[in-house]
Amino acid sequence: MILVAGQLDGLEIGERIALIRKRNGLSKKELADILNISVQTLSNYESNKTVPSLDTICAMATALGVTMNMIVHGREPKKEQKPLITSD
């Protein structure tokens, strides 16, 4: 699946999950089965009623062929990030 940079910006995490799932041609049941969760749980994620755990986001990213950043932030991280800790 090809996502254009920034096209998922501005969406909430559940909306991104639903959009990526649909672009992969998966039904809610198919993705729920892959993730070993109920369809209701996936529906709750997609409607932003609940937020998936990091483990679930990681499993979703793998199943959907995207990075966790794409699901969480709607974009890939910038290539030139400054380190959080610097040594003097």
N, C-alpha and C. Protein backbone atom coordinates (compact mmCIF):
# COMPACT_ATOMS: atom_id res chain seq x y z
N MET A 1 0.84 -1.18 0.00
CA MET A 1 0.00 0.00 0.00
C MET A 1 0.88 1.23 0.00
N ILE A 2 0.54 2.21 -0.80
CA ILE A 2 1.30 3.44 -0.87
C ILE A 2 0.48 4.55 -0.24
N LEU A 3 1.08 5.21 0.75
CA LEU A 3 0.45 6.37 1.37
C LEU A 3 1.28 7.59 1.04
N VAL A 4 0.63 8.63 0.61
CA VAL A 4 1.32 9.88 0.30
C VAL A 4 1.60 10.60 1.61
N ALA A 5 2.81 11.13 1.74
CA ALA A 5 3.21 11.82 2.96
C ALA A 5 2.19 12.89 3.33
N GLY A 6 1.79 12.86 4.58
CA GLY A 6 0.89 13.88 5.10
C GLY A 6 -0.58 13.62 4.87
N GLN A 7 -0.97 12.61 4.10
CA GLN A 7 -2.38 12.43 3.81
C GLN A 7 -3.16 11.91 5.01
N LEU A 8 -2.49 11.43 6.03
CA LEU A 8 -3.17 10.96 7.24
C LEU A 8 -3.07 11.97 8.38
N ASP A 9 -2.35 13.08 8.15
CA ASP A 9 -2.26 14.14 9.15
C ASP A 9 -3.65 14.69 9.43
N GLY A 10 -3.88 15.08 10.64
CA GLY A 10 -5.16 15.68 10.99
C GLY A 10 -6.25 14.69 11.34
N LEU A 11 -5.99 13.41 11.11
CA LEU A 11 -6.96 12.39 11.48
C LEU A 11 -6.64 11.87 12.87
N GLU A 12 -7.65 11.41 13.57
CA GLU A 12 -7.41 10.77 14.86
C GLU A 12 -6.94 9.34 14.60
N ILE A 13 -6.34 8.73 15.60
CA ILE A 13 -5.73 7.41 15.43
C ILE A 13 -6.74 6.39 14.90
N GLY A 14 -7.96 6.42 15.41
CA GLY A 14 -8.97 5.46 14.95
C GLY A 14 -9.31 5.64 13.48
N GLU A 15 -9.36 6.89 13.05
CA GLU A 15 -9.64 7.17 11.64
C GLU A 15 -8.50 6.67 10.76
N ARG A 16 -7.26 6.81 11.25
CA ARG A 16 -6.11 6.30 10.49
C ARG A 16 -6.15 4.78 10.40
N ILE A 17 -6.47 4.12 11.51
CA ILE A 17 -6.56 2.66 11.50
C ILE A 17 -7.60 2.20 10.47
N ALA A 18 -8.77 2.82 10.50
CA ALA A 18 -9.84 2.43 9.58
C ALA A 18 -9.43 2.67 8.13
N LEU A 19 -8.84 3.81 7.84
CA LEU A 19 -8.44 4.14 6.48
C LEU A 19 -7.37 3.18 5.97
N ILE A 20 -6.36 2.91 6.78
CA ILE A 20 -5.29 1.99 6.37
C ILE A 20 -5.84 0.59 6.18
N ARG A 21 -6.73 0.16 7.09
CA ARG A 21 -7.35 -1.17 6.97
C ARG A 21 -8.11 -1.29 5.65
N LYS A 22 -8.92 -0.27 5.35
CA LYS A 22 -9.71 -0.30 4.12
C LYS A 22 -8.82 -0.28 2.89
N ARG A 23 -7.75 0.49 2.93
CA ARG A 23 -6.84 0.55 1.78
C ARG A 23 -6.12 -0.77 1.58
N ASN A 24 -6.04 -1.57 2.63
CA ASN A 24 -5.46 -2.91 2.51
C ASN A 24 -6.49 -3.95 2.12
N GLY A 25 -7.73 -3.52 1.94
CA GLY A 25 -8.78 -4.43 1.50
C GLY A 25 -9.23 -5.42 2.57
N LEU A 26 -9.06 -5.05 3.83
CA LEU A 26 -9.45 -5.93 4.93
C LEU A 26 -10.75 -5.46 5.56
N SER A 27 -11.59 -6.41 5.91
CA SER A 27 -12.78 -6.09 6.69
C SER A 27 -12.38 -5.97 8.16
N LYS A 28 -13.28 -5.42 8.96
CA LYS A 28 -13.00 -5.35 10.40
C LYS A 28 -12.79 -6.76 10.96
N LYS A 29 -13.61 -7.70 10.51
CA LYS A 29 -13.48 -9.08 11.02
C LYS A 29 -12.13 -9.67 10.66
N GLU A 30 -11.70 -9.45 9.42
CA GLU A 30 -10.40 -10.01 9.00
C GLU A 30 -9.26 -9.45 9.83
N LEU A 31 -9.23 -8.12 10.04
CA LEU A 31 -8.15 -7.54 10.84
C LEU A 31 -8.26 -7.97 12.29
N ALA A 32 -9.48 -7.99 12.82
CA ALA A 32 -9.68 -8.44 14.21
C ALA A 32 -9.17 -9.86 14.39
N ASP A 33 -9.45 -10.73 13.43
CA ASP A 33 -8.97 -12.12 13.51
C ASP A 33 -7.44 -12.18 13.49
N ILE A 34 -6.83 -11.39 12.63
CA ILE A 34 -5.36 -11.36 12.55
C ILE A 34 -4.77 -10.91 13.89
N LEU A 35 -5.42 -9.92 14.51
CA LEU A 35 -4.91 -9.36 15.77
C LEU A 35 -5.36 -10.14 17.00
N ASN A 36 -6.23 -11.12 16.77
CA ASN A 36 -6.77 -11.93 17.86
C ASN A 36 -7.52 -11.05 18.88
N ILE A 37 -8.34 -10.13 18.34
CA ILE A 37 -9.20 -9.29 19.17
C ILE A 37 -10.61 -9.39 18.60
N SER A 38 -11.58 -8.91 19.36
CA SER A 38 -12.96 -8.96 18.87
C SER A 38 -13.20 -7.83 17.87
N VAL A 39 -14.20 -8.03 17.04
CA VAL A 39 -14.61 -6.99 16.09
C VAL A 39 -15.05 -5.75 16.87
N GLN A 40 -15.71 -5.95 18.00
CA GLN A 40 -16.16 -4.82 18.83
C GLN A 40 -14.98 -4.00 19.33
N THR A 41 -13.91 -4.69 19.74
CA THR A 41 -12.71 -3.97 20.20
C THR A 41 -12.13 -3.14 19.06
N LEU A 42 -12.02 -3.74 17.88
CA LEU A 42 -11.51 -2.99 16.73
C LEU A 42 -12.42 -1.82 16.39
N SER A 43 -13.72 -2.03 16.46
CA SER A 43 -14.68 -0.94 16.22
C SER A 43 -14.48 0.19 17.23
N ASN A 44 -14.22 -0.17 18.47
CA ASN A 44 -13.97 0.85 19.50
C ASN A 44 -12.70 1.64 19.19
N TYR A 45 -11.67 0.98 18.68
CA TYR A 45 -10.45 1.68 18.28
C TYR A 45 -10.75 2.63 17.13
N GLU A 46 -11.45 2.13 16.11
CA GLU A 46 -11.69 2.92 14.91
C GLU A 46 -12.64 4.09 15.16
N SER A 47 -13.48 3.98 16.17
CA SER A 47 -14.39 5.09 16.50
C SER A 47 -13.83 5.97 17.61
N ASN A 48 -12.57 5.72 17.99
CA ASN A 48 -11.87 6.51 19.01
C ASN A 48 -12.52 6.44 20.39
N LYS A 49 -13.25 5.35 20.65
CA LYS A 49 -13.81 5.15 21.98
C LYS A 49 -12.74 4.66 22.94
N THR A 50 -11.81 3.86 22.42
CA THR A 50 -10.67 3.39 23.20
C THR A 50 -9.42 3.49 22.33
N VAL A 51 -8.27 3.51 22.98
CA VAL A 51 -6.99 3.60 22.28
C VAL A 51 -6.27 2.26 22.42
N PRO A 52 -5.77 1.71 21.32
CA PRO A 52 -5.07 0.43 21.41
C PRO A 52 -3.75 0.57 22.18
N SER A 53 -3.34 -0.52 22.79
CA SER A 53 -2.05 -0.55 23.48
C SER A 53 -0.92 -0.48 22.45
N LEU A 54 0.28 -0.19 22.92
CA LEU A 54 1.43 -0.16 22.01
C LEU A 54 1.66 -1.52 21.36
N ASP A 55 1.45 -2.59 22.12
CA ASP A 55 1.59 -3.94 21.55
C ASP A 55 0.59 -4.15 20.41
N THR A 56 -0.64 -3.69 20.60
CA THR A 56 -1.65 -3.84 19.56
C THR A 56 -1.32 -2.97 18.36
N ILE A 57 -0.84 -1.75 18.60
CA ILE A 57 -0.44 -0.88 17.49
C ILE A 57 0.69 -1.51 16.70
N CYS A 58 1.64 -2.10 17.40
CA CYS A 58 2.75 -2.79 16.73
C CYS A 58 2.23 -3.93 15.87
N ALA A 59 1.32 -4.73 16.41
CA ALA A 59 0.74 -5.85 15.66
C ALA A 59 -0.06 -5.34 14.46
N MET A 60 -0.80 -4.24 14.64
CA MET A 60 -1.55 -3.64 13.53
C MET A 60 -0.61 -3.18 12.43
N ALA A 61 0.45 -2.50 12.83
CA ALA A 61 1.40 -2.00 11.84
C ALA A 61 1.96 -3.14 11.01
N THR A 62 2.32 -4.22 11.66
CA THR A 62 2.85 -5.39 10.96
C THR A 62 1.80 -5.97 10.02
N ALA A 63 0.58 -6.14 10.54
CA ALA A 63 -0.50 -6.73 9.73
C ALA A 63 -0.87 -5.85 8.54
N LEU A 64 -0.76 -4.54 8.71
CA LEU A 64 -1.18 -3.61 7.67
C LEU A 64 -0.04 -3.14 6.77
N GLY A 65 1.18 -3.56 7.11
CA GLY A 65 2.33 -3.21 6.27
C GLY A 65 2.74 -1.75 6.34
N VAL A 66 2.53 -1.14 7.50
CA VAL A 66 2.95 0.25 7.72
C VAL A 66 3.76 0.32 9.00
N THR A 67 4.31 1.49 9.28
CA THR A 67 5.05 1.66 10.53
C THR A 67 4.09 2.08 11.64
N MET A 68 4.55 1.93 12.87
CA MET A 68 3.77 2.40 14.00
C MET A 68 3.57 3.92 13.91
N ASN A 69 4.59 4.63 13.45
CA ASN A 69 4.48 6.08 13.30
C ASN A 69 3.34 6.46 12.36
N MET A 70 3.14 5.68 11.31
CA MET A 70 2.07 5.98 10.37
C MET A 70 0.71 5.85 11.06
N ILE A 71 0.56 4.87 11.93
CA ILE A 71 -0.70 4.69 12.65
C ILE A 71 -0.87 5.77 13.71
N VAL A 72 0.17 6.02 14.49
CA VAL A 72 0.06 6.95 15.61
C VAL A 72 0.05 8.40 15.16
N HIS A 73 0.95 8.76 14.24
CA HIS A 73 1.12 10.16 13.85
C HIS A 73 0.62 10.50 12.46
N GLY A 74 0.39 9.50 11.64
CA GLY A 74 -0.08 9.75 10.28
C GLY A 74 1.03 10.11 9.32
N ARG A 75 2.27 9.94 9.75
CA ARG A 75 3.42 10.25 8.89
C ARG A 75 4.65 9.57 9.44
N GLU A 76 5.67 9.53 8.63
CA GLU A 76 6.94 8.97 9.05
C GLU A 76 7.73 10.05 9.79
N PRO A 77 8.62 9.65 10.69
CA PRO A 77 9.42 10.65 11.39
C PRO A 77 10.35 11.37 10.42
N LYS A 78 10.68 12.60 10.78
CA LYS A 78 11.64 13.34 9.97
C LYS A 78 12.98 12.66 10.04
N LYS A 79 13.69 12.64 8.93
CA LYS A 79 14.97 11.93 8.85
C LYS A 79 16.04 12.55 9.73
N GLU A 80 16.06 13.87 9.82
CA GLU A 80 17.12 14.56 10.55
C GLU A 80 16.62 15.02 11.90
N GLN A 81 16.52 14.10 12.85
CA GLN A 81 16.10 14.45 14.19
C GLN A 81 17.33 14.61 15.06
N LYS A 82 17.27 15.60 15.94
CA LYS A 82 18.37 15.82 16.86
C LYS A 82 18.28 14.81 17.99
N PRO A 83 19.41 14.37 18.51
CA PRO A 83 19.38 13.41 19.61
C PRO A 83 18.74 14.03 20.84
N LEU A 84 18.08 13.20 21.63
CA LEU A 84 17.46 13.67 22.86
C LEU A 84 18.49 14.02 23.92
N ILE A 85 19.60 13.29 23.92
CA ILE A 85 20.66 13.50 24.91
C ILE A 85 21.95 13.81 24.17
N THR A 86 22.60 14.83 24.59
CA THR A 86 23.88 15.16 23.98
C THR A 86 24.96 15.06 25.04
N SER A 87 26.15 14.70 24.63
CA SER A 87 27.28 14.65 25.56
C SER A 87 28.15 15.86 25.32
N ASP A 88 28.58 16.44 26.41
CA ASP A 88 29.42 17.63 26.31
C ASP A 88 30.88 17.28 26.48
